[in-house]
Amino acid sequence: MAGSSGRTYSLYRRRRSRRTGEAISQGRIDVAIGAAGTGALNQVGAAVGGIEYLDLATDEAARKRTLASAPKTTLATVQPGPGLPGVVRPVNMIFVDYVLWAHKGVADAAVERVVRAMYENEAALHEAGPIWRSHRSATMGRWQGEDMPYHPAAIRFFREKGIWQGK
């Protein structure tokens, strides 16, 4: 994110496209945002001779700028490893917690089954694909703020497991 470096976004031409990988492969853009280890980015890397993830600054001022421009995210260091082409050295990346959306009328039992399955099957989720690699059952109850209400059945489950961090 440009903001973590202290640069302003006015230096960058923003382009939103569902065809970002295609645009990189064709040389129309040089930088994009994407999740490390995903098949789409691995394909782009193969098409252009490799990709490299940019390291985000993590000093306190940069962290504040990043979190101000991308609230409800966290910064963490990703180590090189299998399935992570482009991560050629430890690199600081931004992480977005996954969110499961449910209508407020979804039955408590259904919500409880879903959160229980996720909580009890952390290792299986890690094997399911790159998007789940950072899943940690212990952080499922992380408070996201008043503007992100949790289903009451999820809160009850998180409290039962001692992981609810909300109010």
C-alpha atoms as a PDB file:
ATOM      1  CA  MET A   1       0.000   0.000   0.000  1.00  0.00           C
ATOM      2  CA  ALA A   2       1.378   3.324  -0.996  1.00  0.00           C
ATOM      3  CA  GLY A   3       0.171   4.844   2.258  1.00  0.00           C
ATOM      4  CA  SER A   4       2.505   2.739   4.375  1.00  0.00           C
ATOM      5  CA  SER A   5       5.493   4.378   2.678  1.00  0.00           C
ATOM      6  CA  GLY A   6       4.219   7.902   3.250  1.00  0.00           C
ATOM      7  CA  ARG A   7       3.530   8.448  -0.453  1.00  0.00           C
ATOM      8  CA  THR A   8       0.183   9.817  -1.439  1.00  0.00           C
ATOM      9  CA  TYR A   9      -2.212   7.973  -3.648  1.00  0.00           C
ATOM     10  CA  SER A  10      -2.138  10.854  -6.132  1.00  0.00           C
ATOM     11  CA  LEU A  11       1.193   9.461  -7.362  1.00  0.00           C
ATOM     12  CA  TYR A  12      -0.553   6.298  -8.501  1.00  0.00           C
ATOM     13  CA  ARG A  13      -3.170   5.801 -11.135  1.00  0.00           C
ATOM     14  CA  ARG A  14      -5.823   3.598  -9.594  1.00  0.00           C
ATOM     15  CA  ARG A  15      -7.475   1.017 -11.755  1.00  0.00           C
ATOM     16  CA  ARG A  16     -10.047  -1.455 -10.591  1.00  0.00           C
ATOM     17  CA  SER A  17     -10.541  -4.401 -12.846  1.00  0.00           C
ATOM     18  CA  ARG A  18     -11.685  -7.959 -12.709  1.00  0.00           C
ATOM     19  CA  ARG A  19      -8.926  -8.596 -15.222  1.00  0.00           C
ATOM     20  CA  THR A  20      -5.966  -7.470 -13.146  1.00  0.00           C
ATOM     21  CA  GLY A  21      -3.990 -10.638 -13.845  1.00  0.00           C
ATOM     22  CA  GLU A  22      -4.541 -10.184 -17.563  1.00  0.00           C
ATOM     23  CA  ALA A  23      -3.435  -6.538 -17.357  1.00  0.00           C
ATOM     24  CA  ILE A  24      -0.209  -7.513 -15.563  1.00  0.00           C
ATOM     25  CA  SER A  25       0.448 -10.338 -18.013  1.00  0.00           C
ATOM     26  CA  GLN A  26       0.038  -7.891 -20.908  1.00  0.00           C
ATOM     27  CA  GLY A  27       2.266  -5.262 -19.304  1.00  0.00           C
ATOM     28  CA  ARG A  28      -0.545  -2.706 -18.937  1.00  0.00           C
ATOM     29  CA  ILE A  29       0.000  -2.426 -15.171  1.00  0.00           C
ATOM     30  CA  ASP A  30       2.978  -3.215 -12.970  1.00  0.00           C
ATOM     31  CA  VAL A  31       1.560  -3.425  -9.451  1.00  0.00           C
ATOM     32  CA  ALA A  32      -1.589  -4.998  -8.056  1.00  0.00           C
ATOM     33  CA  ILE A  33      -2.990  -6.255  -4.804  1.00  0.00           C
ATOM     34  CA  GLY A  34      -3.593  -9.958  -4.307  1.00  0.00           C
ATOM     35  CA  ALA A  35      -3.444 -12.827  -1.850  1.00  0.00           C
ATOM     36  CA  ALA A  36      -0.110 -14.646  -1.668  1.00  0.00           C
ATOM     37  CA  GLY A  37      -0.221 -18.229  -2.842  1.00  0.00           C
ATOM     38  CA  THR A  38      -3.471 -18.075  -4.777  1.00  0.00           C
ATOM     39  CA  GLY A  39      -3.728 -19.908  -8.069  1.00  0.00           C
ATOM     40  CA  ALA A  40      -4.548 -16.731  -9.987  1.00  0.00           C
ATOM     41  CA  LEU A  41      -1.402 -14.926  -8.852  1.00  0.00           C
ATOM     42  CA  ASN A  42       0.711 -18.036  -9.361  1.00  0.00           C
ATOM     43  CA  GLN A  43      -0.562 -18.150 -12.971  1.00  0.00           C
ATOM     44  CA  VAL A  44       0.297 -14.474 -13.461  1.00  0.00           C
ATOM     45  CA  GLY A  45       3.775 -15.120 -12.090  1.00  0.00           C
ATOM     46  CA  ALA A  46       4.281 -17.993 -14.501  1.00  0.00           C
ATOM     47  CA  ALA A  47       3.101 -15.832 -17.415  1.00  0.00           C
ATOM     48  CA  VAL A  48       5.439 -12.908 -16.695  1.00  0.00           C
ATOM     49  CA  GLY A  49       8.498 -14.762 -15.451  1.00  0.00           C
ATOM     50  CA  GLY A  50       7.809 -14.320 -11.748  1.00  0.00           C
ATOM     51  CA  ILE A  51       6.286 -11.912  -9.292  1.00  0.00           C
ATOM     52  CA  GLU A  52       7.584 -10.422  -6.079  1.00  0.00           C
ATOM     53  CA  TYR A  53       5.563  -9.136  -3.166  1.00  0.00           C
ATOM     54  CA  LEU A  54       6.355  -5.661  -1.915  1.00  0.00           C
ATOM     55  CA  ASP A  55       7.335  -5.296   1.717  1.00  0.00           C
ATOM     56  CA  LEU A  56       5.140  -2.932   3.721  1.00  0.00           C
ATOM     57  CA  ALA A  57       6.776  -0.599   6.193  1.00  0.00           C
ATOM     58  CA  THR A  58       5.971  -1.554   9.787  1.00  0.00           C
ATOM     59  CA  ASP A  59       7.322   1.315  11.885  1.00  0.00           C
ATOM     60  CA  GLU A  60       4.648   2.830  14.104  1.00  0.00           C
ATOM     61  CA  ALA A  61       3.910   5.804  11.829  1.00  0.00           C
ATOM     62  CA  ALA A  62       3.598   3.568   8.751  1.00  0.00           C
ATOM     63  CA  ARG A  63       1.431   1.085  10.666  1.00  0.00           C
ATOM     64  CA  LYS A  64      -0.924   3.903  11.672  1.00  0.00           C
ATOM     65  CA  ARG A  65      -1.148   5.175   8.071  1.00  0.00           C
ATOM     66  CA  THR A  66      -1.822   1.689   6.737  1.00  0.00           C
ATOM     67  CA  LEU A  67      -4.489   0.886   9.304  1.00  0.00           C
ATOM     68  CA  ALA A  68      -6.114   4.296   8.775  1.00  0.00           C
ATOM     69  CA  SER A  69      -6.445   3.631   5.049  1.00  0.00           C
ATOM     70  CA  ALA A  70      -7.365  -0.042   5.496  1.00  0.00           C
ATOM     71  CA  PRO A  71      -9.285  -0.390   8.759  1.00  0.00           C
ATOM     72  CA  LYS A  72     -10.004  -3.836  10.199  1.00  0.00           C
ATOM     73  CA  THR A  73      -6.792  -5.247   8.758  1.00  0.00           C
ATOM     74  CA  THR A  74      -3.589  -6.447  10.370  1.00  0.00           C
ATOM     75  CA  LEU A  75       0.060  -6.449   9.361  1.00  0.00           C
ATOM     76  CA  ALA A  76       2.158  -9.599   9.632  1.00  0.00           C
ATOM     77  CA  THR A  77       5.358 -11.054   8.248  1.00  0.00           C
ATOM     78  CA  VAL A  78       5.099 -13.897   5.738  1.00  0.00           C
ATOM     79  CA  GLN A  79       8.068 -16.233   5.436  1.00  0.00           C
ATOM     80  CA  PRO A  80       9.135 -17.811   2.116  1.00  0.00           C
ATOM     81  CA  GLY A  81       7.868 -21.330   1.704  1.00  0.00           C
ATOM     82  CA  PRO A  82       6.232 -23.902  -0.544  1.00  0.00           C
ATOM     83  CA  GLY A  83       3.190 -22.593  -2.360  1.00  0.00           C
ATOM     84  CA  LEU A  84       4.296 -18.975  -2.002  1.00  0.00           C
ATOM     85  CA  PRO A  85       6.090 -18.035  -5.206  1.00  0.00           C
ATOM     86  CA  GLY A  86       6.979 -14.364  -5.095  1.00  0.00           C
ATOM     87  CA  VAL A  87       7.709 -14.447  -1.380  1.00  0.00           C
ATOM     88  CA  VAL A  88      11.484 -14.530  -1.849  1.00  0.00           C
ATOM     89  CA  ARG A  89      12.365 -13.148   1.585  1.00  0.00           C
ATOM     90  CA  PRO A  90      10.371 -12.391   4.738  1.00  0.00           C
ATOM     91  CA  VAL A  91       7.842  -9.782   3.654  1.00  0.00           C
ATOM     92  CA  ASN A  92       5.379  -7.698   5.655  1.00  0.00           C
ATOM     93  CA  MET A  93       1.877  -7.976   4.231  1.00  0.00           C
ATOM     94  CA  ILE A  94      -1.557  -6.726   5.060  1.00  0.00           C
ATOM     95  CA  PHE A  95      -4.170  -9.275   6.080  1.00  0.00           C
ATOM     96  CA  VAL A  96      -7.924  -9.011   5.889  1.00  0.00           C
ATOM     97  CA  ASP A  97      -9.968 -11.196   8.188  1.00  0.00           C
ATOM     98  CA  TYR A  98     -12.454 -13.314   6.340  1.00  0.00           C
ATOM     99  CA  VAL A  99     -16.104 -12.607   6.967  1.00  0.00           C
ATOM    100  CA  LEU A 100     -19.050 -14.936   6.682  1.00  0.00           C
ATOM    101  CA  TRP A 101     -22.172 -12.975   5.914  1.00  0.00           C
ATOM    102  CA  ALA A 102     -25.503 -14.278   7.111  1.00  0.00           C
ATOM    103  CA  HIS A 103     -28.979 -12.834   7.162  1.00  0.00           C
ATOM    104  CA  LYS A 104     -30.070 -11.936  10.683  1.00  0.00           C
ATOM    105  CA  GLY A 105     -32.818 -14.526  10.345  1.00  0.00           C
ATOM    106  CA  VAL A 106     -30.478 -17.496   9.846  1.00  0.00           C
ATOM    107  CA  ALA A 107     -31.258 -20.093  12.485  1.00  0.00           C
ATOM    108  CA  ASP A 108     -28.926 -20.206  15.475  1.00  0.00           C
ATOM    109  CA  ALA A 109     -28.313 -23.917  14.905  1.00  0.00           C
ATOM    110  CA  ALA A 110     -27.061 -23.293  11.353  1.00  0.00           C
ATOM    111  CA  VAL A 111     -24.656 -20.562  12.442  1.00  0.00           C
ATOM    112  CA  GLU A 112     -23.388 -22.658  15.328  1.00  0.00           C
ATOM    113  CA  ARG A 113     -22.725 -25.631  12.991  1.00  0.00           C
ATOM    114  CA  VAL A 114     -20.693 -23.445  10.622  1.00  0.00           C
ATOM    115  CA  VAL A 115     -18.543 -21.751  13.288  1.00  0.00           C
ATOM    116  CA  ARG A 116     -18.038 -25.054  15.116  1.00  0.00           C
ATOM    117  CA  ALA A 117     -16.919 -26.760  11.890  1.00  0.00           C
ATOM    118  CA  MET A 118     -14.430 -23.958  11.218  1.00  0.00           C
ATOM    119  CA  TYR A 119     -13.189 -23.925  14.802  1.00  0.00           C
ATOM    120  CA  GLU A 120     -12.731 -27.694  15.062  1.00  0.00           C
ATOM    121  CA  ASN A 121     -11.176 -28.187  11.620  1.00  0.00           C
ATOM    122  CA  GLU A 122      -8.376 -25.632  11.449  1.00  0.00           C
ATOM    123  CA  ALA A 123      -5.861 -28.058   9.888  1.00  0.00           C
ATOM    124  CA  ALA A 124      -8.343 -29.210   7.242  1.00  0.00           C
ATOM    125  CA  LEU A 125      -9.097 -25.599   6.328  1.00  0.00           C
ATOM    126  CA  HIS A 126      -5.371 -24.914   5.907  1.00  0.00           C
ATOM    127  CA  GLU A 127      -5.254 -27.768   3.387  1.00  0.00           C
ATOM    128  CA  ALA A 128      -8.355 -26.519   1.549  1.00  0.00           C
ATOM    129  CA  GLY A 129      -6.529 -23.696  -0.207  1.00  0.00           C
ATOM    130  CA  PRO A 130      -4.417 -20.562   0.150  1.00  0.00           C
ATOM    131  CA  ILE A 131      -7.277 -18.370   1.316  1.00  0.00           C
ATOM    132  CA  TRP A 132      -7.491 -20.472   4.501  1.00  0.00           C
ATOM    133  CA  ARG A 133      -3.755 -20.629   5.204  1.00  0.00           C
ATOM    134  CA  SER A 134      -3.893 -17.864   7.809  1.00  0.00           C
ATOM    135  CA  HIS A 135      -7.045 -19.140   9.547  1.00  0.00           C
ATOM    136  CA  ARG A 136      -6.566 -19.458  13.283  1.00  0.00           C
ATOM    137  CA  SER A 137      -9.490 -20.824  15.265  1.00  0.00           C
ATOM    138  CA  ALA A 138      -8.278 -18.967  18.343  1.00  0.00           C
ATOM    139  CA  THR A 139      -8.859 -15.602  16.625  1.00  0.00           C
ATOM    140  CA  MET A 140     -12.306 -16.265  15.176  1.00  0.00           C
ATOM    141  CA  GLY A 141     -13.889 -14.210  17.955  1.00  0.00           C
ATOM    142  CA  ARG A 142     -11.815 -11.082  17.264  1.00  0.00           C
ATOM    143  CA  TRP A 143     -13.919  -7.968  17.774  1.00  0.00           C
ATOM    144  CA  GLN A 144     -14.383  -6.037  14.526  1.00  0.00           C
ATOM    145  CA  GLY A 145     -16.263  -3.066  15.956  1.00  0.00           C
ATOM    146  CA  GLU A 146     -19.834  -1.922  16.321  1.00  0.00           C
ATOM    147  CA  ASP A 147     -20.287  -1.681  12.559  1.00  0.00           C
ATOM    148  CA  MET A 148     -19.655  -5.429  12.144  1.00  0.00           C
ATOM    149  CA  PRO A 149     -22.282  -7.134  14.318  1.00  0.00           C
ATOM    150  CA  TYR A 150     -21.878 -10.823  15.015  1.00  0.00           C
ATOM    151  CA  HIS A 151     -24.731 -13.320  14.945  1.00  0.00           C
ATOM    152  CA  PRO A 152     -25.793 -14.106  18.536  1.00  0.00           C
ATOM    153  CA  ALA A 153     -25.153 -17.835  18.008  1.00  0.00           C
ATOM    154  CA  ALA A 154     -21.566 -17.113  16.918  1.00  0.00           C
ATOM    155  CA  ILE A 155     -21.002 -14.967  20.008  1.00  0.00           C
ATOM    156  CA  ARG A 156     -22.346 -17.733  22.258  1.00  0.00           C
ATOM    157  CA  PHE A 157     -20.039 -20.275  20.626  1.00  0.00           C
ATOM    158  CA  PHE A 158     -16.998 -17.987  20.882  1.00  0.00           C
ATOM    159  CA  ARG A 159     -17.760 -17.328  24.553  1.00  0.00           C
ATOM    160  CA  GLU A 160     -18.109 -21.071  25.190  1.00  0.00           C
ATOM    161  CA  LYS A 161     -14.635 -21.571  23.705  1.00  0.00           C
ATOM    162  CA  GLY A 162     -13.182 -18.567  25.538  1.00  0.00           C
ATOM    163  CA  ILE A 163     -12.199 -16.709  22.358  1.00  0.00           C
ATOM    164  CA  TRP A 164     -14.798 -13.915  22.252  1.00  0.00           C
ATOM    165  CA  GLN A 165     -13.025 -10.543  22.286  1.00  0.00           C
ATOM    166  CA  GLY A 166     -16.104  -8.388  21.861  1.00  0.00           C
ATOM    167  CA  LYS A 167     -18.166  -6.345  24.215  1.00  0.00           C
END
